[in-house]
Amino acid sequence: MQKYRSYILPIAIILGLLLHHWCAMFSFLVPYIIFSILLLTFSAVDIRKLRMSRLDIWLMLFQITVSLGSYLVLKWLGAGNIVAEGVLIGVLCPVASSVAVISCMLGANRETVTAYTIIGNLMVAVVAPIFFSFIGTNQDMPFFESFFMILKRIGTVLGIPFFIAWALLLWWPKASGFLCRYKGLSFYLWSLALLFTLGQTIDFIFLHGEGNWSSIAWLGVASLMFCIVQFGFGRWLGGRYGDKISGGQLLGQKNTAMGIWMANYYLTPLASVFMAFYSIFQNVWNSWQMWKTGKEKK
């Protein structure tokens, strides 16, 4: 199966595009698949080695300053709320919970990726409510109500498998070792989750597209541009700390489902189409990276 890995993601993308209506019907399974992926991933990590690094600080600063800065610049240039809010959420959106799956296959350090997965998501839970207090449709929502609402969505998926993996490592190391041996299954689970998520994404674009094709086209262009910028700058930044793969994936690979939810709840709902397009672009890039890496290993 190893030699076919580079083809699995493109197949998942194509099937998600062609069979989007059917795939969307199974999207309710995605949180359970992600939970399984994270449990396998965290079981393969030495949790005691997780530390915040300087790379983490720079990644957080990029997300905070560029998201708000881009929003303000676009508003100053006369862009509408939809595009400006789409860019805001596209940069601020937390790193994908399953980022370690692709990153480690590309050669990233597992501890580096896992640490920022936790730190970056917690940062968004704090910063996003501050931004949404003066941007969007729920500006009157109290900070702590917004904070706990976002933290609940992040913590449910990310926190539970982390603490289960930690508990197994401390009190049932044989079970932890068993899960670690099967960590390779996380890639195939992630491909399945991608299939269902892309189907839901395409359905989402068609649902919100009627009568808004001009705004959607601009959101698509902006999404592609910022996908390139975030992966590119992340790789450059990571290279300065000896791990360009981690830098690129941690800044570029987003939890698009979380971004779509935040845009729908706090901002103009159509702005969430930015994240829908981003989901496609980031996975096309990940597919190409997988193919290139597989070719180089031959």
Protein backbone atom coordinates (compact mmCIF):
# COMPACT_ATOMS: atom_id res chain seq x y z
CA MET A 1 0.00 0.00 0.00
CA GLN A 2 2.92 2.36 0.58
CA LYS A 3 3.57 2.99 -3.13
CA TYR A 4 -0.09 3.93 -3.70
CA ARG A 5 -0.23 6.52 -0.93
CA SER A 6 0.58 9.45 -3.21
CA TYR A 7 -2.49 8.63 -5.32
CA ILE A 8 -4.99 8.25 -2.49
CA LEU A 9 -5.48 11.97 -1.82
CA PRO A 10 -6.10 12.91 -5.50
CA ILE A 11 -8.62 10.06 -5.73
CA ALA A 12 -10.36 11.30 -2.57
CA ILE A 13 -10.49 14.84 -4.00
CA ILE A 14 -11.90 13.70 -7.36
CA LEU A 15 -14.52 11.46 -5.75
CA GLY A 16 -15.44 14.25 -3.33
CA LEU A 17 -16.00 16.62 -6.25
CA LEU A 18 -17.95 14.17 -8.41
CA LEU A 19 -19.99 12.50 -5.67
CA HIS A 20 -20.32 15.53 -3.39
CA HIS A 21 -24.00 15.01 -2.63
CA TRP A 22 -23.50 11.43 -1.50
CA CYS A 23 -20.28 12.16 0.36
CA ALA A 24 -21.93 15.04 2.23
CA MET A 25 -24.46 12.59 3.67
CA PHE A 26 -21.64 10.89 5.61
CA SER A 27 -20.05 14.09 6.90
CA PHE A 28 -21.48 13.39 10.38
CA LEU A 29 -18.82 10.65 10.70
CA VAL A 30 -15.91 13.10 10.34
CA PRO A 31 -15.59 14.07 14.06
CA TYR A 32 -15.35 10.38 15.02
CA ILE A 33 -12.74 9.74 12.32
CA ILE A 34 -10.71 12.77 13.46
CA PHE A 35 -10.93 11.51 17.05
CA SER A 36 -9.47 8.16 15.97
CA ILE A 37 -6.73 9.89 13.95
CA LEU A 38 -5.72 12.06 16.90
CA LEU A 39 -5.69 9.14 19.33
CA LEU A 40 -3.32 7.23 17.03
CA THR A 41 -1.20 10.36 16.48
CA PHE A 42 -0.91 11.32 20.15
CA SER A 43 -0.08 7.71 21.08
CA ALA A 44 2.96 7.93 18.78
CA VAL A 45 4.21 11.14 20.44
CA ASP A 46 6.32 11.39 23.56
CA ILE A 47 4.00 13.84 25.29
CA ARG A 48 6.69 14.65 27.87
CA LYS A 49 8.79 16.23 25.08
CA LEU A 50 6.14 18.73 23.99
CA ARG A 51 7.45 22.29 24.38
CA MET A 52 6.61 25.72 23.04
CA SER A 53 9.31 26.91 20.63
CA ARG A 54 10.24 30.20 18.98
CA LEU A 55 8.71 28.89 15.78
CA ASP A 56 5.38 28.57 17.60
CA ILE A 57 5.56 32.20 18.71
CA TRP A 58 6.25 33.46 15.18
CA LEU A 59 3.44 31.34 13.75
CA MET A 60 0.98 32.75 16.29
CA LEU A 61 2.13 36.31 15.63
CA PHE A 62 1.64 35.78 11.89
CA GLN A 63 -1.90 34.50 12.35
CA ILE A 64 -2.87 37.34 14.69
CA THR A 65 -1.28 40.28 12.89
CA VAL A 66 -1.83 39.21 9.27
CA SER A 67 -5.48 38.22 9.82
CA LEU A 68 -6.40 41.55 11.40
CA GLY A 69 -4.02 43.58 9.23
CA SER A 70 -5.38 42.06 6.00
CA TYR A 71 -8.95 42.71 7.12
CA LEU A 72 -8.23 46.37 7.87
CA VAL A 73 -6.28 46.91 4.63
CA LEU A 74 -9.03 45.32 2.52
CA LYS A 75 -11.66 47.46 4.22
CA TRP A 76 -9.50 50.57 3.62
CA LEU A 77 -9.16 49.62 -0.05
CA GLY A 78 -12.94 49.43 -0.35
CA ALA A 79 -13.40 45.65 -0.37
CA GLY A 80 -16.75 44.46 0.90
CA ASN A 81 -17.34 42.79 4.24
CA ILE A 82 -17.61 39.36 2.64
CA VAL A 83 -14.10 39.25 1.16
CA ALA A 84 -12.46 41.06 4.11
CA GLU A 85 -14.10 38.73 6.63
CA GLY A 86 -13.24 35.69 4.51
CA VAL A 87 -9.55 36.62 4.57
CA LEU A 88 -9.70 37.35 8.31
CA ILE A 89 -11.05 33.92 9.12
CA GLY A 90 -8.82 32.23 6.53
CA VAL A 91 -5.64 33.42 8.25
CA LEU A 92 -6.85 33.24 11.86
CA CYS A 93 -8.40 29.78 11.41
CA PRO A 94 -6.64 27.24 13.66
CA VAL A 95 -4.30 24.59 12.32
CA ALA A 96 -6.03 21.35 11.34
CA SER A 97 -6.25 18.85 14.18
CA SER A 98 -5.01 16.11 11.83
CA VAL A 99 -2.03 18.13 10.52
CA ALA A 100 0.44 15.61 11.95
CA VAL A 101 -0.75 12.92 9.52
CA ILE A 102 0.58 14.60 6.38
CA SER A 103 3.37 16.56 8.08
CA CYS A 104 5.09 13.51 9.53
CA MET A 105 4.81 11.61 6.26
CA LEU A 106 6.57 14.54 4.59
CA GLY A 107 9.36 14.41 7.18
CA ALA A 108 8.29 16.93 9.83
CA ASN A 109 9.12 16.51 13.51
CA ARG A 110 6.14 14.88 15.23
CA GLU A 111 6.63 16.68 18.55
CA THR A 112 6.93 20.10 16.85
CA VAL A 113 3.72 19.57 14.90
CA THR A 114 1.79 18.19 17.87
CA ALA A 115 2.86 21.02 20.19
CA TYR A 116 1.62 23.74 17.84
CA THR A 117 -1.58 21.84 17.13
CA ILE A 118 -2.43 22.31 20.80
CA ILE A 119 -0.91 25.78 21.30
CA GLY A 120 -2.26 27.25 18.06
CA ASN A 121 -5.79 26.06 18.71
CA LEU A 122 -5.76 27.51 22.23
CA MET A 123 -4.46 30.82 20.85
CA VAL A 124 -7.40 31.06 18.44
CA ALA A 125 -9.83 30.34 21.29
CA VAL A 126 -8.48 33.46 23.07
CA VAL A 127 -7.87 35.80 20.11
CA ALA A 128 -10.97 35.07 18.02
CA PRO A 129 -13.47 36.33 20.66
CA ILE A 130 -11.47 39.58 20.91
CA PHE A 131 -11.66 40.11 17.14
CA PHE A 132 -15.34 39.18 17.04
CA SER A 133 -16.09 41.79 19.71
CA PHE A 134 -15.62 44.52 17.06
CA ILE A 135 -15.96 42.58 13.78
CA GLY A 136 -18.96 40.65 12.53
CA THR A 137 -22.56 40.09 13.55
CA ASN A 138 -22.17 39.07 17.22
CA GLN A 139 -20.17 42.03 18.55
CA ASP A 140 -22.33 42.27 21.68
CA MET A 141 -21.55 38.70 22.79
CA PRO A 142 -19.56 38.66 26.08
CA PHE A 143 -15.93 37.60 25.71
CA PHE A 144 -16.10 34.59 28.03
CA GLU A 145 -19.28 33.26 26.43
CA SER A 146 -17.61 33.39 23.04
CA PHE A 147 -14.35 32.00 24.43
CA PHE A 148 -15.98 28.96 26.02
CA MET A 149 -18.11 28.33 22.93
CA ILE A 150 -15.03 28.19 20.69
CA LEU A 151 -12.97 26.30 23.29
CA LYS A 152 -15.72 23.69 23.61
CA ARG A 153 -15.62 22.95 19.88
CA ILE A 154 -11.83 22.81 19.86
CA GLY A 155 -11.46 20.91 23.13
CA THR A 156 -14.00 18.21 22.33
CA VAL A 157 -12.10 17.01 19.27
CA LEU A 158 -8.54 17.85 20.36
CA GLY A 159 -8.52 17.56 24.14
CA ILE A 160 -10.22 14.22 24.74
CA PRO A 161 -7.90 12.06 22.57
CA PHE A 162 -4.88 13.95 23.97
CA PHE A 163 -5.76 13.13 27.59
CA ILE A 164 -6.72 9.54 26.72
CA ALA A 165 -3.33 9.06 25.03
CA TRP A 166 -1.60 10.63 28.03
CA ALA A 167 -3.51 8.40 30.47
CA LEU A 168 -2.66 5.28 28.46
CA LEU A 169 1.02 6.26 28.36
CA LEU A 170 1.10 6.67 32.15
CA TRP A 171 -1.14 3.81 33.32
CA TRP A 172 -1.47 1.36 30.44
CA PRO A 173 1.72 1.53 28.34
CA LYS A 174 0.95 -1.74 26.53
CA ALA A 175 -2.24 -0.26 25.09
CA SER A 176 -0.33 2.89 24.18
CA GLY A 177 2.31 0.81 22.41
CA PHE A 178 -0.37 -1.13 20.55
CA LEU A 179 -1.92 2.09 19.19
CA CYS A 180 1.52 3.43 18.31
CA ARG A 181 2.21 0.39 16.10
CA TYR A 182 -0.85 1.21 14.02
CA LYS A 183 -0.25 4.94 13.67
CA GLY A 184 0.09 4.45 9.90
CA LEU A 185 -3.67 3.85 9.70
CA SER A 186 -4.21 7.53 10.48
CA PHE A 187 -3.38 8.45 6.86
CA TYR A 188 -6.12 6.22 5.44
CA LEU A 189 -8.61 7.45 8.04
CA TRP A 190 -7.70 11.02 7.14
CA SER A 191 -8.24 10.29 3.44
CA LEU A 192 -11.72 9.00 4.28
CA ALA A 193 -12.45 12.10 6.34
CA LEU A 194 -11.20 14.23 3.44
CA LEU A 195 -13.58 12.48 1.04
CA PHE A 196 -16.60 13.25 3.23
CA THR A 197 -15.44 16.79 4.06
CA LEU A 198 -14.84 17.75 0.43
CA GLY A 199 -18.27 16.45 -0.50
CA GLN A 200 -19.79 18.64 2.19
CA THR A 201 -17.64 21.57 1.04
CA ILE A 202 -18.79 21.39 -2.59
CA ASP A 203 -22.41 21.09 -1.46
CA PHE A 204 -21.80 24.15 0.73
CA ILE A 205 -20.49 26.21 -2.21
CA PHE A 206 -23.51 25.32 -4.36
CA LEU A 207 -25.86 26.09 -1.48
CA HIS A 208 -24.44 29.60 -0.94
CA GLY A 209 -23.62 30.31 -4.56
CA GLU A 210 -27.03 31.15 -5.94
CA GLY A 211 -27.05 34.84 -6.84
CA ASN A 212 -23.63 35.50 -5.26
CA TRP A 213 -21.25 34.24 -7.94
CA SER A 214 -19.26 37.49 -8.14
CA SER A 215 -18.48 37.48 -4.41
CA ILE A 216 -17.73 33.76 -4.54
CA ALA A 217 -15.29 34.29 -7.42
CA TRP A 218 -13.39 36.93 -5.41
CA LEU A 219 -13.40 34.67 -2.36
CA GLY A 220 -11.95 31.88 -4.50
CA VAL A 221 -9.15 34.11 -5.83
CA ALA A 222 -8.34 35.43 -2.34
CA SER A 223 -8.41 31.90 -0.93
CA LEU A 224 -5.90 30.66 -3.51
CA MET A 225 -3.59 33.64 -2.90
CA PHE A 226 -3.56 33.24 0.88
CA CYS A 227 -3.14 29.47 0.60
CA ILE A 228 0.05 30.08 -1.40
CA VAL A 229 1.22 32.82 0.99
CA GLN A 230 0.66 30.79 4.16
CA PHE A 231 2.27 27.58 2.96
CA GLY A 232 5.14 29.55 1.38
CA PHE A 233 5.85 31.84 4.32
CA GLY A 234 5.43 28.96 6.77
CA ARG A 235 8.05 26.91 4.91
CA TRP A 236 10.43 29.88 4.87
CA LEU A 237 9.90 30.52 8.57
CA GLY A 238 10.22 26.84 9.46
CA GLY A 239 13.45 26.66 7.45
CA ARG A 240 14.99 29.25 9.77
CA TYR A 241 14.39 26.85 12.66
CA GLY A 242 15.46 23.69 10.84
CA ASP A 243 12.02 22.29 9.97
CA LYS A 244 10.48 23.90 6.89
CA ILE A 245 7.92 21.10 6.50
CA SER A 246 6.47 21.77 9.96
CA GLY A 247 6.41 25.51 9.36
CA GLY A 248 4.57 25.18 6.06
CA GLN A 249 2.00 22.69 7.26
CA LEU A 250 1.33 24.39 10.60
CA LEU A 251 0.67 27.76 8.98
CA GLY A 252 -0.94 26.50 5.79
CA GLN A 253 -3.05 23.49 6.74
CA LYS A 254 -6.25 24.77 8.33
CA ASN A 255 -9.15 23.30 10.24
CA THR A 256 -11.56 24.41 7.52
CA ALA A 257 -14.61 22.95 9.28
CA MET A 258 -13.86 25.14 12.31
CA GLY A 259 -13.27 28.15 10.05
CA ILE A 260 -16.60 27.62 8.27
CA TRP A 261 -18.40 27.37 11.61
CA MET A 262 -16.80 30.57 12.98
CA ALA A 263 -17.59 32.48 9.79
CA ASN A 264 -21.20 31.32 9.81
CA TYR A 265 -21.72 32.09 13.48
CA TYR A 266 -19.76 35.32 13.95
CA LEU A 267 -19.40 36.86 10.49
CA THR A 268 -21.31 37.22 7.22
CA PRO A 269 -22.19 33.57 6.39
CA LEU A 270 -21.08 33.88 2.76
CA ALA A 271 -17.53 34.66 3.98
CA SER A 272 -17.24 31.00 4.97
CA VAL A 273 -16.98 30.11 1.26
CA PHE A 274 -13.35 31.32 1.56
CA MET A 275 -12.66 28.33 3.81
CA ALA A 276 -14.59 26.01 1.50
CA PHE A 277 -12.29 26.91 -1.39
CA TYR A 278 -9.28 26.78 0.93
CA SER A 279 -10.12 23.18 1.80
CA ILE A 280 -9.78 22.25 -1.87
CA PHE A 281 -6.58 24.22 -2.48
CA GLN A 282 -4.74 22.97 0.60
CA ASN A 283 -5.54 19.36 -0.20
CA VAL A 284 -4.44 19.72 -3.81
CA TRP A 285 -1.12 21.06 -2.48
CA ASN A 286 -0.87 18.24 0.06
CA SER A 287 -1.53 15.70 -2.69
CA TRP A 288 1.25 17.15 -4.82
CA GLN A 289 3.67 17.12 -1.87
CA MET A 290 2.82 13.49 -1.18
CA TRP A 291 3.37 12.55 -4.82
CA LYS A 292 6.69 14.41 -4.95
CA THR A 293 7.91 12.86 -1.70
CA GLY A 294 6.92 9.37 -2.86
CA LYS A 295 8.72 9.90 -6.17
CA GLU A 296 11.91 11.06 -4.42
CA LYS A 297 11.93 7.97 -2.19
CA LYS A 298 11.83 5.57 -5.14
